[in-house]
Amino acid sequence: MPSGYRVAHVDEIEPARGEEYPEVAEWKPVRHDLGITAFGVNAFVVASAGDLVIDEHDEIDYGHEELYVVIRGHAEFTVGGETIDAPAGTFVFIPDPEARRKAVALEPDTAVLGVGAKPGEAFTPSTWEQEYTAGRGAGA
């Protein structure tokens, strides 16, 4: 691998399934695979329209702001009870850790990138991600 950068395509990152995301078809551990340490980043890919892309959750325990980017397909987000239409290329930023959020695919083969961290603090992976990383090796 060249020094100074790393490259991966969402379809080439080996999917993982964890207890944290039981309904999501494929959780792609982008942060782990690329060795990113400054912020959390994962991709979520589903096969069918109607599939849950982002499970319903909040970030109260972690205090994270989150940014979601629909990288292909089309999703419908629900954030704090409001519905957001999100075709490919849409950014959905959720600065409030208390806001409940989820996303459902409106098209087959929808992929969403999620990026998050707690403002003003060094990033620490969540417990479920640390457990996954320990089981998968490669000390990210």
C-alpha atoms as a PDB file:
ATOM      1  CA  MET A   1       0.000   0.000   0.000  1.00  0.00           C
ATOM      2  CA  PRO A   2       1.404   3.436  -0.867  1.00  0.00           C
ATOM      3  CA  SER A   3       2.382   5.725   1.975  1.00  0.00           C
ATOM      4  CA  GLY A   4       0.365   8.867   2.582  1.00  0.00           C
ATOM      5  CA  TYR A   5      -3.063   7.521   1.612  1.00  0.00           C
ATOM      6  CA  ARG A   6      -5.337   4.482   1.548  1.00  0.00           C
ATOM      7  CA  VAL A   7      -8.076   3.596  -0.913  1.00  0.00           C
ATOM      8  CA  ALA A   8     -11.099   1.314  -0.615  1.00  0.00           C
ATOM      9  CA  HIS A   9     -14.347   0.885  -2.519  1.00  0.00           C
ATOM     10  CA  VAL A  10     -17.475   0.308  -0.445  1.00  0.00           C
ATOM     11  CA  ASP A  11     -18.136  -2.972  -2.295  1.00  0.00           C
ATOM     12  CA  GLU A  12     -14.645  -4.286  -1.474  1.00  0.00           C
ATOM     13  CA  ILE A  13     -14.857  -3.778   2.300  1.00  0.00           C
ATOM     14  CA  GLU A  14     -15.770  -7.051   3.956  1.00  0.00           C
ATOM     15  CA  PRO A  15     -19.147  -6.707   5.666  1.00  0.00           C
ATOM     16  CA  ALA A  16     -19.636  -7.408   9.336  1.00  0.00           C
ATOM     17  CA  ARG A  17     -22.776  -8.179  11.265  1.00  0.00           C
ATOM     18  CA  GLY A  18     -22.839  -7.304  14.904  1.00  0.00           C
ATOM     19  CA  GLU A  19     -25.366  -7.252  17.694  1.00  0.00           C
ATOM     20  CA  GLU A  20     -25.466  -3.469  17.363  1.00  0.00           C
ATOM     21  CA  TYR A  21     -26.818  -3.690  13.789  1.00  0.00           C
ATOM     22  CA  PRO A  22     -28.857  -6.905  13.587  1.00  0.00           C
ATOM     23  CA  GLU A  23     -31.325  -5.633  10.967  1.00  0.00           C
ATOM     24  CA  VAL A  24     -28.801  -3.964   8.653  1.00  0.00           C
ATOM     25  CA  ALA A  25     -27.914  -6.124   5.666  1.00  0.00           C
ATOM     26  CA  GLU A  26     -24.245  -5.125   5.534  1.00  0.00           C
ATOM     27  CA  TRP A  27     -22.254  -3.037   7.960  1.00  0.00           C
ATOM     28  CA  LYS A  28     -18.974  -1.962   6.306  1.00  0.00           C
ATOM     29  CA  PRO A  29     -16.350  -1.037   8.956  1.00  0.00           C
ATOM     30  CA  VAL A  30     -14.664   1.741   6.963  1.00  0.00           C
ATOM     31  CA  ARG A  31     -12.793   3.219   9.953  1.00  0.00           C
ATOM     32  CA  HIS A  32     -11.319  -0.129  10.867  1.00  0.00           C
ATOM     33  CA  ASP A  33     -10.386  -1.176   7.340  1.00  0.00           C
ATOM     34  CA  LEU A  34      -8.675   2.127   6.482  1.00  0.00           C
ATOM     35  CA  GLY A  35      -7.081   2.592   9.910  1.00  0.00           C
ATOM     36  CA  ILE A  36      -8.882   5.889  10.622  1.00  0.00           C
ATOM     37  CA  THR A  37      -8.448   7.051  14.220  1.00  0.00           C
ATOM     38  CA  ALA A  38      -9.702  10.671  14.281  1.00  0.00           C
ATOM     39  CA  PHE A  39     -13.425   9.961  13.810  1.00  0.00           C
ATOM     40  CA  GLY A  40     -15.919   7.139  13.451  1.00  0.00           C
ATOM     41  CA  VAL A  41     -16.976   6.196   9.935  1.00  0.00           C
ATOM     42  CA  ASN A  42     -18.933   3.214   8.637  1.00  0.00           C
ATOM     43  CA  ALA A  43     -20.946   2.410   5.541  1.00  0.00           C
ATOM     44  CA  PHE A  44     -24.256   0.587   5.487  1.00  0.00           C
ATOM     45  CA  VAL A  45     -25.482  -1.233   2.379  1.00  0.00           C
ATOM     46  CA  VAL A  46     -28.841  -2.923   1.837  1.00  0.00           C
ATOM     47  CA  ALA A  47     -30.044  -5.095  -1.021  1.00  0.00           C
ATOM     48  CA  SER A  48     -33.738  -4.212  -1.229  1.00  0.00           C
ATOM     49  CA  ALA A  49     -36.057  -1.246  -1.074  1.00  0.00           C
ATOM     50  CA  GLY A  50     -37.764  -1.223   2.317  1.00  0.00           C
ATOM     51  CA  ASP A  51     -34.680  -2.523   4.136  1.00  0.00           C
ATOM     52  CA  LEU A  52     -33.484  -0.652   7.220  1.00  0.00           C
ATOM     53  CA  VAL A  53     -30.219   1.121   6.321  1.00  0.00           C
ATOM     54  CA  ILE A  54     -29.634   2.947   9.612  1.00  0.00           C
ATOM     55  CA  ASP A  55     -31.163   1.389  12.704  1.00  0.00           C
ATOM     56  CA  GLU A  56     -33.264   3.610  14.955  1.00  0.00           C
ATOM     57  CA  HIS A  57     -31.019   5.066  17.624  1.00  0.00           C
ATOM     58  CA  ASP A  58     -29.732   8.184  19.340  1.00  0.00           C
ATOM     59  CA  GLU A  59     -26.204   9.177  20.350  1.00  0.00           C
ATOM     60  CA  ILE A  60     -26.916  10.150  23.969  1.00  0.00           C
ATOM     61  CA  ASP A  61     -24.411   7.641  25.386  1.00  0.00           C
ATOM     62  CA  TYR A  62     -21.590   8.896  23.127  1.00  0.00           C
ATOM     63  CA  GLY A  63     -22.490  12.570  22.589  1.00  0.00           C
ATOM     64  CA  HIS A  64     -21.702  12.207  18.886  1.00  0.00           C
ATOM     65  CA  GLU A  65     -22.696  14.515  16.098  1.00  0.00           C
ATOM     66  CA  GLU A  66     -23.399  12.419  13.000  1.00  0.00           C
ATOM     67  CA  LEU A  67     -23.270  13.072   9.284  1.00  0.00           C
ATOM     68  CA  TYR A  68     -24.893  10.630   6.879  1.00  0.00           C
ATOM     69  CA  VAL A  69     -24.203  10.700   3.143  1.00  0.00           C
ATOM     70  CA  VAL A  70     -26.300   8.662   0.728  1.00  0.00           C
ATOM     71  CA  ILE A  71     -23.584   7.424  -1.636  1.00  0.00           C
ATOM     72  CA  ARG A  72     -25.905   5.446  -3.896  1.00  0.00           C
ATOM     73  CA  GLY A  73     -29.557   4.581  -4.130  1.00  0.00           C
ATOM     74  CA  HIS A  74     -32.227   6.509  -2.241  1.00  0.00           C
ATOM     75  CA  ALA A  75     -33.156   6.571   1.427  1.00  0.00           C
ATOM     76  CA  GLU A  76     -35.805   8.063   3.655  1.00  0.00           C
ATOM     77  CA  PHE A  77     -34.491   9.325   6.982  1.00  0.00           C
ATOM     78  CA  THR A  78     -36.605   9.969  10.047  1.00  0.00           C
ATOM     79  CA  VAL A  79     -34.929  12.384  12.466  1.00  0.00           C
ATOM     80  CA  GLY A  80     -36.737  13.569  15.570  1.00  0.00           C
ATOM     81  CA  GLY A  81     -40.030  12.471  14.017  1.00  0.00           C
ATOM     82  CA  GLU A  82     -39.470  14.404  10.769  1.00  0.00           C
ATOM     83  CA  THR A  83     -39.145  12.649   7.410  1.00  0.00           C
ATOM     84  CA  ILE A  84     -36.300  13.556   5.042  1.00  0.00           C
ATOM     85  CA  ASP A  85     -36.159  12.417   1.419  1.00  0.00           C
ATOM     86  CA  ALA A  86     -32.522  11.569   0.650  1.00  0.00           C
ATOM     87  CA  PRO A  87     -31.587  10.513  -2.892  1.00  0.00           C
ATOM     88  CA  ALA A  88     -27.937   9.752  -3.758  1.00  0.00           C
ATOM     89  CA  GLY A  89     -25.717  12.722  -3.001  1.00  0.00           C
ATOM     90  CA  THR A  90     -27.755  13.918   0.009  1.00  0.00           C
ATOM     91  CA  PHE A  91     -26.056  14.916   3.276  1.00  0.00           C
ATOM     92  CA  VAL A  92     -28.047  14.592   6.521  1.00  0.00           C
ATOM     93  CA  PHE A  93     -26.274  16.203   9.500  1.00  0.00           C
ATOM     94  CA  ILE A  94     -27.578  15.532  13.019  1.00  0.00           C
ATOM     95  CA  PRO A  95     -25.768  17.652  15.600  1.00  0.00           C
ATOM     96  CA  ASP A  96     -28.139  16.778  18.474  1.00  0.00           C
ATOM     97  CA  PRO A  97     -27.142  13.498  20.158  1.00  0.00           C
ATOM     98  CA  GLU A  98     -30.657  13.200  21.642  1.00  0.00           C
ATOM     99  CA  ALA A  99     -32.419  13.180  18.254  1.00  0.00           C
ATOM    100  CA  ARG A 100     -33.708   9.710  17.360  1.00  0.00           C
ATOM    101  CA  ARG A 101     -32.786   8.756  13.813  1.00  0.00           C
ATOM    102  CA  LYS A 102     -33.185   5.939  11.314  1.00  0.00           C
ATOM    103  CA  ALA A 103     -33.157   5.443   7.545  1.00  0.00           C
ATOM    104  CA  VAL A 104     -34.990   3.058   5.219  1.00  0.00           C
ATOM    105  CA  ALA A 105     -33.953   2.304   1.634  1.00  0.00           C
ATOM    106  CA  LEU A 106     -36.347   3.457  -1.083  1.00  0.00           C
ATOM    107  CA  GLU A 107     -34.311   1.760  -3.842  1.00  0.00           C
ATOM    108  CA  PRO A 108     -32.404  -1.526  -4.079  1.00  0.00           C
ATOM    109  CA  ASP A 109     -28.633  -1.409  -3.453  1.00  0.00           C
ATOM    110  CA  THR A 110     -28.754   1.722  -1.289  1.00  0.00           C
ATOM    111  CA  ALA A 111     -25.531   2.657   0.509  1.00  0.00           C
ATOM    112  CA  VAL A 112     -25.166   5.253   3.256  1.00  0.00           C
ATOM    113  CA  LEU A 113     -21.918   6.490   4.797  1.00  0.00           C
ATOM    114  CA  GLY A 114     -22.079   7.507   8.461  1.00  0.00           C
ATOM    115  CA  VAL A 115     -19.449   9.736  10.097  1.00  0.00           C
ATOM    116  CA  GLY A 116     -19.511  10.745  13.746  1.00  0.00           C
ATOM    117  CA  ALA A 117     -17.558  11.954  16.752  1.00  0.00           C
ATOM    118  CA  LYS A 118     -18.022  13.957  19.937  1.00  0.00           C
ATOM    119  CA  PRO A 119     -17.218  17.626  19.395  1.00  0.00           C
ATOM    120  CA  GLY A 120     -14.083  18.883  21.149  1.00  0.00           C
ATOM    121  CA  GLU A 121     -12.780  15.472  22.216  1.00  0.00           C
ATOM    122  CA  ALA A 122     -10.396  12.898  20.837  1.00  0.00           C
ATOM    123  CA  PHE A 123     -12.341  10.098  19.168  1.00  0.00           C
ATOM    124  CA  THR A 124     -12.857   6.873  21.091  1.00  0.00           C
ATOM    125  CA  PRO A 125     -14.499   3.927  19.308  1.00  0.00           C
ATOM    126  CA  SER A 126     -17.732   2.683  20.827  1.00  0.00           C
ATOM    127  CA  THR A 127     -17.692  -0.488  22.914  1.00  0.00           C
ATOM    128  CA  TRP A 128     -19.371  -2.573  20.176  1.00  0.00           C
ATOM    129  CA  GLU A 129     -16.800  -1.399  17.620  1.00  0.00           C
ATOM    130  CA  GLN A 130     -13.900  -2.148  19.962  1.00  0.00           C
ATOM    131  CA  GLU A 131     -15.261  -5.670  20.474  1.00  0.00           C
ATOM    132  CA  TYR A 132     -15.614  -6.110  16.708  1.00  0.00           C
ATOM    133  CA  THR A 133     -12.083  -4.808  16.071  1.00  0.00           C
ATOM    134  CA  ALA A 134     -10.617  -7.142  18.704  1.00  0.00           C
ATOM    135  CA  GLY A 135     -12.319 -10.099  17.027  1.00  0.00           C
ATOM    136  CA  ARG A 136     -11.232  -9.105  13.525  1.00  0.00           C
ATOM    137  CA  GLY A 137      -7.600  -8.287  14.318  1.00  0.00           C
ATOM    138  CA  ALA A 138      -5.579  -5.509  12.651  1.00  0.00           C
ATOM    139  CA  GLY A 139      -5.255  -2.963  15.451  1.00  0.00           C
ATOM    140  CA  ALA A 140      -7.289  -0.021  14.198  1.00  0.00           C
END
